Amino acid sequence: MAATGISRYFRLWRHIANPTEYVLRRGDRHKRDLVFTTRPLPVRFQVPASLYQVFKEIFMADVYEIDTLVRDLPMKPVVIDVGANAGFFDIQLLSKIGQATIYAYEPMPANVQTFQQTLQQNAPLQQSVRLFQMAVTGKPLDQLDLYAEAAEKSQVVASAFAGFNGNNTQRITVPCVTLADIIRNNGLESVDLLKLDCEGSEYDIIYNTDPDLVRCIQKMVVEVHNLDKDRNNIDTFNAYLRSLGFDTTYSPINSFCYALEAVRRPL
């Protein structure tokens, strides 16, 4: 469960080596990027004002409960991150377990640019992270229209659905790759962790991927949005994953969004 209140500052101290950058300098974020270093393994990264809330969600609210998550992963996990944004989740993961191999997919150019800057400033990460400026789908498509806020603003909620967010007034066309092709083309016999944070596209990705390939995933953390009363809702999505052999738990983030965790049952 996400940390709230004063406990967020304890999480900040646990995950960030220079927490005073946030405590003393957050008021300056519109003048300059905040610069943080993780711990225990050091990764230096910048947080522009447009990604300030994302930083707080990952490193203070600790929405993925990273210490618990990494305890369940092997020493050298294979991770697919769909909707990587500026890479904060991957940075946090690599600060706890340095030998991960991460396939990160993010379609928004501004976010990819920030993520690439972090990789360039932290040479060892380039051995761990394979970053692709692409959207991920279930059904094969050459390209996809996404709707987002203007580039100078937060593009966290870019979505394939035009009405997903009222501020998403900019349409861009991006290249695509299917989850099936990610798994097959990289020769991944097993995926230790799949993270999906893709603003409604979680349904297309999971429903339209070969069930046998979905079953090669050992664990998922998914942001699930209630979009309709047919198939695109938490109850139906949860039931589908359970039918594929996953044990699931989920909790509400807000009135239409849930954090779901799915763990493959032992064969």
C-alpha atoms as a PDB file:
ATOM      1  CA  MET A   1       0.000   0.000   0.000  1.00  0.00           C
ATOM      2  CA  ALA A   2       1.246   3.475  -0.858  1.00  0.00           C
ATOM      3  CA  ALA A   3       2.824   5.392   1.998  1.00  0.00           C
ATOM      4  CA  THR A   4       1.054   8.539   3.202  1.00  0.00           C
ATOM      5  CA  GLY A   5       1.747  11.367   5.612  1.00  0.00           C
ATOM      6  CA  ILE A   6       5.018  11.394   7.515  1.00  0.00           C
ATOM      7  CA  SER A   7       5.828   7.822   6.446  1.00  0.00           C
ATOM      8  CA  ARG A   8       6.555   9.163   2.948  1.00  0.00           C
ATOM      9  CA  TYR A   9       9.617  10.943   4.358  1.00  0.00           C
ATOM     10  CA  PHE A  10      10.898   7.722   5.907  1.00  0.00           C
ATOM     11  CA  ARG A  11      10.599   6.119   2.454  1.00  0.00           C
ATOM     12  CA  LEU A  12      12.425   9.084   0.922  1.00  0.00           C
ATOM     13  CA  TRP A  13      15.302   8.622   3.404  1.00  0.00           C
ATOM     14  CA  ARG A  14      15.349   4.882   2.666  1.00  0.00           C
ATOM     15  CA  HIS A  15      15.541   5.246  -1.117  1.00  0.00           C
ATOM     16  CA  ILE A  16      17.396   8.527  -1.683  1.00  0.00           C
ATOM     17  CA  ALA A  17      20.933   9.303  -0.510  1.00  0.00           C
ATOM     18  CA  ASN A  18      20.439  13.094  -0.605  1.00  0.00           C
ATOM     19  CA  PRO A  19      16.894  13.645   0.720  1.00  0.00           C
ATOM     20  CA  THR A  20      17.674  17.253   1.606  1.00  0.00           C
ATOM     21  CA  GLU A  21      17.519  18.011  -2.128  1.00  0.00           C
ATOM     22  CA  TYR A  22      13.786  17.429  -1.825  1.00  0.00           C
ATOM     23  CA  VAL A  23      13.277  18.860   1.653  1.00  0.00           C
ATOM     24  CA  LEU A  24      15.210  22.091   1.064  1.00  0.00           C
ATOM     25  CA  ARG A  25      15.124  22.589  -2.709  1.00  0.00           C
ATOM     26  CA  ARG A  26      11.724  21.414  -3.936  1.00  0.00           C
ATOM     27  CA  GLY A  27      10.535  25.029  -4.068  1.00  0.00           C
ATOM     28  CA  ASP A  28      13.194  25.670  -6.719  1.00  0.00           C
ATOM     29  CA  ARG A  29      11.944  22.943  -9.074  1.00  0.00           C
ATOM     30  CA  HIS A  30      10.517  25.420 -11.585  1.00  0.00           C
ATOM     31  CA  LYS A  31      13.913  27.141 -11.783  1.00  0.00           C
ATOM     32  CA  ARG A  32      16.094  24.058 -12.109  1.00  0.00           C
ATOM     33  CA  ASP A  33      15.773  20.279 -12.188  1.00  0.00           C
ATOM     34  CA  LEU A  34      16.070  18.537  -8.847  1.00  0.00           C
ATOM     35  CA  VAL A  35      18.984  16.071  -8.810  1.00  0.00           C
ATOM     36  CA  PHE A  36      18.908  12.913  -6.715  1.00  0.00           C
ATOM     37  CA  THR A  37      21.089   9.899  -6.026  1.00  0.00           C
ATOM     38  CA  THR A  38      19.553   6.593  -4.991  1.00  0.00           C
ATOM     39  CA  ARG A  39      20.666   4.141  -2.356  1.00  0.00           C
ATOM     40  CA  PRO A  40      21.941   1.613  -1.523  1.00  0.00           C
ATOM     41  CA  LEU A  41      23.236   1.343  -5.104  1.00  0.00           C
ATOM     42  CA  PRO A  42      23.912   4.848  -6.440  1.00  0.00           C
ATOM     43  CA  VAL A  43      22.062   6.072  -9.529  1.00  0.00           C
ATOM     44  CA  ARG A  44      22.138   9.809 -10.205  1.00  0.00           C
ATOM     45  CA  PHE A  45      19.117  11.247 -12.005  1.00  0.00           C
ATOM     46  CA  GLN A  46      17.343  14.522 -12.671  1.00  0.00           C
ATOM     47  CA  VAL A  47      13.692  15.348 -12.016  1.00  0.00           C
ATOM     48  CA  PRO A  48      12.193  18.142 -14.130  1.00  0.00           C
ATOM     49  CA  ALA A  49       9.182  19.969 -12.707  1.00  0.00           C
ATOM     50  CA  SER A  50       6.870  18.078 -15.079  1.00  0.00           C
ATOM     51  CA  LEU A  51       7.851  14.783 -13.400  1.00  0.00           C
ATOM     52  CA  TYR A  52       7.846  16.003  -9.783  1.00  0.00           C
ATOM     53  CA  GLN A  53       4.649  14.110  -8.936  1.00  0.00           C
ATOM     54  CA  VAL A  54       5.973  10.911 -10.522  1.00  0.00           C
ATOM     55  CA  PHE A  55       9.105  11.159  -8.384  1.00  0.00           C
ATOM     56  CA  LYS A  56       6.950  11.472  -5.262  1.00  0.00           C
ATOM     57  CA  GLU A  57       4.821   8.477  -6.262  1.00  0.00           C
ATOM     58  CA  ILE A  58       7.838   6.218  -6.840  1.00  0.00           C
ATOM     59  CA  PHE A  59      10.289   7.298  -4.152  1.00  0.00           C
ATOM     60  CA  MET A  60       8.022   8.688  -1.405  1.00  0.00           C
ATOM     61  CA  ALA A  61       4.595   7.080  -1.700  1.00  0.00           C
ATOM     62  CA  ASP A  62       6.586   4.034  -2.849  1.00  0.00           C
ATOM     63  CA  VAL A  63       3.597   2.768  -4.838  1.00  0.00           C
ATOM     64  CA  TYR A  64       5.424  -0.398  -5.922  1.00  0.00           C
ATOM     65  CA  GLU A  65       6.680  -1.154  -2.396  1.00  0.00           C
ATOM     66  CA  ILE A  66      10.054  -1.756  -3.948  1.00  0.00           C
ATOM     67  CA  ASP A  67      11.791  -3.471  -1.026  1.00  0.00           C
ATOM     68  CA  THR A  68       9.050  -6.100  -0.838  1.00  0.00           C
ATOM     69  CA  LEU A  69       8.975  -6.447  -4.616  1.00  0.00           C
ATOM     70  CA  VAL A  70      12.684  -7.127  -5.029  1.00  0.00           C
ATOM     71  CA  ARG A  71      12.682  -9.713  -2.243  1.00  0.00           C
ATOM     72  CA  ASP A  72      10.468 -11.871  -4.446  1.00  0.00           C
ATOM     73  CA  LEU A  73      12.725 -11.553  -7.510  1.00  0.00           C
ATOM     74  CA  PRO A  74      15.766 -13.681  -8.384  1.00  0.00           C
ATOM     75  CA  MET A  75      19.268 -12.200  -8.227  1.00  0.00           C
ATOM     76  CA  LYS A  76      19.320 -11.542 -11.984  1.00  0.00           C
ATOM     77  CA  PRO A  77      15.697 -10.863 -12.940  1.00  0.00           C
ATOM     78  CA  VAL A  78      14.372 -10.287 -16.436  1.00  0.00           C
ATOM     79  CA  VAL A  79      11.944  -7.352 -16.380  1.00  0.00           C
ATOM     80  CA  ILE A  80       9.648  -5.863 -19.031  1.00  0.00           C
ATOM     81  CA  ASP A  81       8.532  -2.317 -18.236  1.00  0.00           C
ATOM     82  CA  VAL A  82       5.625  -1.100 -20.378  1.00  0.00           C
ATOM     83  CA  GLY A  83       4.992   2.587 -19.853  1.00  0.00           C
ATOM     84  CA  ALA A  84       8.449   3.290 -18.467  1.00  0.00           C
ATOM     85  CA  ASN A  85       7.916   7.063 -18.482  1.00  0.00           C
ATOM     86  CA  ALA A  86      11.259   8.674 -17.508  1.00  0.00           C
ATOM     87  CA  GLY A  87      12.541   5.455 -15.978  1.00  0.00           C
ATOM     88  CA  PHE A  88      12.015   6.200 -12.292  1.00  0.00           C
ATOM     89  CA  PHE A  89      10.683   2.696 -11.551  1.00  0.00           C
ATOM     90  CA  ASP A  90      13.654   1.130 -13.329  1.00  0.00           C
ATOM     91  CA  ILE A  91      16.073   3.446 -11.522  1.00  0.00           C
ATOM     92  CA  GLN A  92      14.556   2.449  -8.192  1.00  0.00           C
ATOM     93  CA  LEU A  93      14.665  -1.242  -9.074  1.00  0.00           C
ATOM     94  CA  LEU A  94      18.320  -1.061 -10.145  1.00  0.00           C
ATOM     95  CA  SER A  95      19.199   0.775  -6.949  1.00  0.00           C
ATOM     96  CA  LYS A  96      18.091  -2.327  -5.043  1.00  0.00           C
ATOM     97  CA  ILE A  97      19.085  -5.176  -7.356  1.00  0.00           C
ATOM     98  CA  GLY A  98      21.846  -4.199  -9.719  1.00  0.00           C
ATOM     99  CA  GLN A  99      21.968  -7.247 -11.990  1.00  0.00           C
ATOM    100  CA  ALA A 100      18.515  -6.943 -13.543  1.00  0.00           C
ATOM    101  CA  THR A 101      17.965  -6.946 -17.302  1.00  0.00           C
ATOM    102  CA  ILE A 102      15.201  -4.484 -18.161  1.00  0.00           C
ATOM    103  CA  TYR A 103      13.378  -4.093 -21.467  1.00  0.00           C
ATOM    104  CA  ALA A 104      11.824  -0.630 -21.129  1.00  0.00           C
ATOM    105  CA  TYR A 105       9.171   0.714 -23.518  1.00  0.00           C
ATOM    106  CA  GLU A 106       8.033   4.320 -23.529  1.00  0.00           C
ATOM    107  CA  PRO A 107       6.403   6.074 -26.512  1.00  0.00           C
ATOM    108  CA  MET A 108       6.590   9.739 -25.435  1.00  0.00           C
ATOM    109  CA  PRO A 109       9.706  11.513 -26.785  1.00  0.00           C
ATOM    110  CA  ALA A 110      10.174  13.901 -23.839  1.00  0.00           C
ATOM    111  CA  ASN A 111      10.114  11.026 -21.349  1.00  0.00           C
ATOM    112  CA  VAL A 112      12.521   8.945 -23.424  1.00  0.00           C
ATOM    113  CA  GLN A 113      14.899  11.893 -23.641  1.00  0.00           C
ATOM    114  CA  THR A 114      14.952  12.231 -19.836  1.00  0.00           C
ATOM    115  CA  PHE A 115      15.471   8.477 -19.434  1.00  0.00           C
ATOM    116  CA  GLN A 116      18.310   8.470 -21.997  1.00  0.00           C
ATOM    117  CA  GLN A 117      19.992  11.323 -20.138  1.00  0.00           C
ATOM    118  CA  THR A 118      19.983   9.214 -16.966  1.00  0.00           C
ATOM    119  CA  LEU A 119      21.476   6.246 -18.815  1.00  0.00           C
ATOM    120  CA  GLN A 120      24.215   8.426 -20.297  1.00  0.00           C
ATOM    121  CA  GLN A 121      25.108   9.797 -16.855  1.00  0.00           C
ATOM    122  CA  ASN A 122      25.224   6.318 -15.303  1.00  0.00           C
ATOM    123  CA  ALA A 123      27.280   4.147 -17.645  1.00  0.00           C
ATOM    124  CA  PRO A 124      26.712   0.840 -15.764  1.00  0.00           C
ATOM    125  CA  LEU A 125      22.960   1.167 -16.323  1.00  0.00           C
ATOM    126  CA  GLN A 126      23.489   0.920 -20.075  1.00  0.00           C
ATOM    127  CA  GLN A 127      24.365  -2.755 -19.568  1.00  0.00           C
ATOM    128  CA  SER A 128      21.091  -3.356 -17.721  1.00  0.00           C
ATOM    129  CA  VAL A 129      18.489  -1.269 -19.566  1.00  0.00           C
ATOM    130  CA  ARG A 130      17.380  -1.659 -23.162  1.00  0.00           C
ATOM    131  CA  LEU A 131      15.218   1.374 -23.874  1.00  0.00           C
ATOM    132  CA  PHE A 132      12.792   1.514 -26.797  1.00  0.00           C
ATOM    133  CA  GLN A 133      10.754   4.548 -27.898  1.00  0.00           C
ATOM    134  CA  MET A 134       7.685   2.482 -28.749  1.00  0.00           C
ATOM    135  CA  ALA A 135       4.178   1.702 -27.553  1.00  0.00           C
ATOM    136  CA  VAL A 136       3.339  -1.893 -26.668  1.00  0.00           C
ATOM    137  CA  THR A 137       0.172  -3.564 -27.933  1.00  0.00           C
ATOM    138  CA  GLY A 138      -1.495  -6.952 -27.924  1.00  0.00           C
ATOM    139  CA  LYS A 139      -2.821  -6.893 -31.479  1.00  0.00           C
ATOM    140  CA  PRO A 140      -0.094  -6.329 -34.114  1.00  0.00           C
ATOM    141  CA  LEU A 141       0.011  -2.707 -35.333  1.00  0.00           C
ATOM    142  CA  ASP A 142       2.652  -0.742 -37.209  1.00  0.00           C
ATOM    143  CA  GLN A 143       1.769   2.473 -35.404  1.00  0.00           C
ATOM    144  CA  LEU A 144      -0.655   3.860 -32.866  1.00  0.00           C
ATOM    145  CA  ASP A 145      -2.190   7.268 -32.145  1.00  0.00           C
ATOM    146  CA  LEU A 146      -1.680   8.460 -28.578  1.00  0.00           C
ATOM    147  CA  TYR A 147      -3.271  11.433 -26.850  1.00  0.00           C
ATOM    148  CA  ALA A 148      -1.222  13.444 -24.367  1.00  0.00           C
ATOM    149  CA  GLU A 149      -0.644  16.818 -22.808  1.00  0.00           C
ATOM    150  CA  ALA A 150       1.709  19.267 -24.481  1.00  0.00           C
ATOM    151  CA  ALA A 151       5.371  18.223 -24.385  1.00  0.00           C
ATOM    152  CA  GLU A 152       6.350  20.894 -21.875  1.00  0.00           C
ATOM    153  CA  LYS A 153       3.781  19.560 -19.398  1.00  0.00           C
ATOM    154  CA  SER A 154       3.415  16.185 -17.708  1.00  0.00           C
ATOM    155  CA  GLN A 155       2.876  13.384 -20.218  1.00  0.00           C
ATOM    156  CA  VAL A 156       2.316  10.750 -17.571  1.00  0.00           C
ATOM    157  CA  VAL A 157      -1.237   9.911 -18.656  1.00  0.00           C
ATOM    158  CA  ALA A 158      -0.707   9.626 -22.424  1.00  0.00           C
ATOM    159  CA  SER A 159      -3.277   7.122 -23.667  1.00  0.00           C
ATOM    160  CA  ALA A 160      -4.543   5.399 -26.788  1.00  0.00           C
ATOM    161  CA  PHE A 161      -8.028   6.575 -25.730  1.00  0.00           C
ATOM    162  CA  ALA A 162      -8.867  10.119 -26.832  1.00  0.00           C
ATOM    163  CA  GLY A 163     -11.179  10.755 -23.872  1.00  0.00           C
ATOM    164  CA  PHE A 164      -8.962   9.198 -21.220  1.00  0.00           C
ATOM    165  CA  ASN A 165      -7.903  12.563 -19.780  1.00  0.00           C
ATOM    166  CA  GLY A 166      -9.388  15.966 -20.523  1.00  0.00           C
ATOM    167  CA  ASN A 167      -5.927  17.560 -20.716  1.00  0.00           C
ATOM    168  CA  ASN A 168      -4.739  15.184 -23.445  1.00  0.00           C
ATOM    169  CA  THR A 169      -5.184  17.567 -26.378  1.00  0.00           C
ATOM    170  CA  GLN A 170      -2.073  16.612 -28.361  1.00  0.00           C
ATOM    171  CA  ARG A 171      -2.166  13.616 -30.705  1.00  0.00           C
ATOM    172  CA  ILE A 172       1.030  11.898 -31.774  1.00  0.00           C
ATOM    173  CA  THR A 173       1.634   8.771 -33.829  1.00  0.00           C
ATOM    174  CA  VAL A 174       4.153   6.282 -32.456  1.00  0.00           C
ATOM    175  CA  PRO A 175       5.634   2.947 -33.590  1.00  0.00           C
ATOM    176  CA  CYS A 176       4.439  -0.233 -31.890  1.00  0.00           C
ATOM    177  CA  VAL A 177       5.610  -3.662 -30.866  1.00  0.00           C
ATOM    178  CA  THR A 178       3.518  -6.477 -29.417  1.00  0.00           C
ATOM    179  CA  LEU A 179       4.232  -8.063 -26.069  1.00  0.00           C
ATOM    180  CA  ALA A 180       4.445 -11.384 -27.911  1.00  0.00           C
ATOM    181  CA  ASP A 181       7.223 -10.048 -30.158  1.00  0.00           C
ATOM    182  CA  ILE A 182       9.116  -8.641 -27.176  1.00  0.00           C
ATOM    183  CA  ILE A 183       9.138 -12.071 -25.564  1.00  0.00           C
ATOM    184  CA  ARG A 184       9.830 -14.080 -28.718  1.00  0.00           C
ATOM    185  CA  ASN A 185      12.345 -11.790 -30.417  1.00  0.00           C
ATOM    186  CA  ASN A 186      14.461 -11.522 -27.267  1.00  0.00           C
ATOM    187  CA  GLY A 187      14.340 -15.266 -26.619  1.00  0.00           C
ATOM    188  CA  LEU A 188      12.743 -14.825 -23.206  1.00  0.00           C
ATOM    189  CA  GLU A 189      11.703 -18.244 -21.951  1.00  0.00           C
ATOM    190  CA  SER A 190      10.594 -16.698 -18.665  1.00  0.00           C
ATOM    191  CA  VAL A 191       9.881 -13.125 -17.569  1.00  0.00           C
ATOM    192  CA  ASP A 192      10.368 -12.516 -13.859  1.00  0.00           C
ATOM    193  CA  LEU A 193       8.409  -9.256 -13.757  1.00  0.00           C
ATOM    194  CA  LEU A 194       6.058  -7.426 -16.100  1.00  0.00           C
ATOM    195  CA  LYS A 195       5.123  -3.864 -15.144  1.00  0.00           C
ATOM    196  CA  LEU A 196       2.192  -2.326 -17.016  1.00  0.00           C
ATOM    197  CA  ASP A 197       1.434   1.378 -16.590  1.00  0.00           C
ATOM    198  CA  CYS A 198      -0.115   2.224 -19.935  1.00  0.00           C
ATOM    199  CA  GLU A 199      -3.361   4.112 -19.278  1.00  0.00           C
ATOM    200  CA  GLY A 200      -5.969   1.648 -20.507  1.00  0.00           C
ATOM    201  CA  SER A 201      -3.844  -0.368 -22.937  1.00  0.00           C
ATOM    202  CA  GLU A 202      -3.332  -3.066 -20.301  1.00  0.00           C
ATOM    203  CA  TYR A 203      -6.485  -4.751 -21.636  1.00  0.00           C
ATOM    204  CA  ASP A 204      -5.341  -4.981 -25.249  1.00  0.00           C
ATOM    205  CA  ILE A 205      -1.892  -6.169 -24.187  1.00  0.00           C
ATOM    206  CA  ILE A 206      -3.041  -8.989 -21.913  1.00  0.00           C
ATOM    207  CA  TYR A 207      -6.268 -10.061 -23.638  1.00  0.00           C
ATOM    208  CA  ASN A 208      -4.677 -10.218 -27.097  1.00  0.00           C
ATOM    209  CA  THR A 209      -1.396 -11.928 -26.210  1.00  0.00           C
ATOM    210  CA  ASP A 210      -1.171 -15.704 -26.584  1.00  0.00           C
ATOM    211  CA  PRO A 211      -2.135 -17.119 -23.157  1.00  0.00           C
ATOM    212  CA  ASP A 212       0.876 -19.468 -23.243  1.00  0.00           C
ATOM    213  CA  LEU A 213       3.152 -16.429 -23.479  1.00  0.00           C
ATOM    214  CA  VAL A 214       1.321 -14.658 -20.652  1.00  0.00           C
ATOM    215  CA  ARG A 215       1.893 -17.775 -18.550  1.00  0.00           C
ATOM    216  CA  CYS A 216       5.666 -17.432 -18.975  1.00  0.00           C
ATOM    217  CA  ILE A 217       5.446 -14.275 -16.828  1.00  0.00           C
ATOM    218  CA  GLN A 218       6.108 -15.032 -13.177  1.00  0.00           C
ATOM    219  CA  LYS A 219       4.849 -11.787 -11.675  1.00  0.00           C
ATOM    220  CA  MET A 220       2.959  -8.685 -12.821  1.00  0.00           C
ATOM    221  CA  VAL A 221       2.338  -5.279 -11.305  1.00  0.00           C
ATOM    222  CA  VAL A 222      -0.392  -3.533 -13.258  1.00  0.00           C
ATOM    223  CA  GLU A 223      -2.211  -0.220 -13.068  1.00  0.00           C
ATOM    224  CA  VAL A 224      -5.747  -1.196 -14.099  1.00  0.00           C
ATOM    225  CA  HIS A 225      -8.364   1.373 -15.157  1.00  0.00           C
ATOM    226  CA  ASN A 226     -12.113   0.839 -15.165  1.00  0.00           C
ATOM    227  CA  LEU A 227     -13.111   1.810 -18.711  1.00  0.00           C
ATOM    228  CA  ASP A 228     -16.413  -0.014 -19.208  1.00  0.00           C
ATOM    229  CA  LYS A 229     -18.709  -2.652 -17.731  1.00  0.00           C
ATOM    230  CA  ASP A 230     -17.955  -5.272 -20.386  1.00  0.00           C
ATOM    231  CA  ARG A 231     -14.338  -6.543 -20.417  1.00  0.00           C
ATOM    232  CA  ASN A 232     -12.303  -3.467 -19.617  1.00  0.00           C
ATOM    233  CA  ASN A 233     -12.726  -3.344 -15.854  1.00  0.00           C
ATOM    234  CA  ILE A 234     -10.879  -4.614 -12.812  1.00  0.00           C
ATOM    235  CA  ASP A 235     -13.247  -7.493 -12.039  1.00  0.00           C
ATOM    236  CA  THR A 236     -13.119  -9.031 -15.519  1.00  0.00           C
ATOM    237  CA  PHE A 237      -9.392  -8.421 -15.895  1.00  0.00           C
ATOM    238  CA  ASN A 238      -8.713  -9.975 -12.510  1.00  0.00           C
ATOM    239  CA  ALA A 239     -10.851 -13.025 -13.321  1.00  0.00           C
ATOM    240  CA  TYR A 240      -9.033 -13.501 -16.643  1.00  0.00           C
ATOM    241  CA  LEU A 241      -5.605 -13.510 -14.990  1.00  0.00           C
ATOM    242  CA  ARG A 242      -6.811 -15.997 -12.396  1.00  0.00           C
ATOM    243  CA  SER A 243      -8.076 -18.259 -15.199  1.00  0.00           C
ATOM    244  CA  LEU A 244      -4.534 -18.246 -16.636  1.00  0.00           C
ATOM    245  CA  GLY A 245      -3.059 -19.515 -13.380  1.00  0.00           C
ATOM    246  CA  PHE A 246      -2.214 -16.351 -11.449  1.00  0.00           C
ATOM    247  CA  ASP A 247      -2.981 -15.526  -7.840  1.00  0.00           C
ATOM    248  CA  THR A 248      -4.030 -11.894  -7.689  1.00  0.00           C
ATOM    249  CA  THR A 249      -4.583  -9.073  -5.234  1.00  0.00           C
ATOM    250  CA  TYR A 250      -5.593  -5.493  -5.955  1.00  0.00           C
ATOM    251  CA  SER A 251      -6.415  -2.261  -4.152  1.00  0.00           C
ATOM    252  CA  PRO A 252      -7.889   1.054  -5.316  1.00  0.00           C
ATOM    253  CA  ILE A 253      -5.663   3.975  -6.246  1.00  0.00           C
ATOM    254  CA  ASN A 254      -8.636   6.254  -6.941  1.00  0.00           C
ATOM    255  CA  SER A 255     -12.268   5.878  -8.031  1.00  0.00           C
ATOM    256  CA  PHE A 256     -11.464   4.287 -11.409  1.00  0.00           C
ATOM    257  CA  CYS A 257      -7.914   2.944 -11.092  1.00  0.00           C
ATOM    258  CA  TYR A 258      -6.472  -0.030  -9.220  1.00  0.00           C
ATOM    259  CA  ALA A 259      -3.033  -1.396  -8.395  1.00  0.00           C
ATOM    260  CA  LEU A 260      -3.050  -5.117  -9.191  1.00  0.00           C
ATOM    261  CA  GLU A 261      -0.387  -7.699  -8.429  1.00  0.00           C
ATOM    262  CA  ALA A 262      -0.457 -11.119 -10.075  1.00  0.00           C
ATOM    263  CA  VAL A 263       1.844 -14.031  -9.184  1.00  0.00           C
ATOM    264  CA  ARG A 264       2.045 -17.190 -11.279  1.00  0.00           C
ATOM    265  CA  ARG A 265       0.947 -20.261  -9.368  1.00  0.00           C
ATOM    266  CA  PRO A 266       3.571 -23.009  -9.143  1.00  0.00           C
ATOM    267  CA  LEU A 267       3.026 -25.724 -11.731  1.00  0.00           C
END
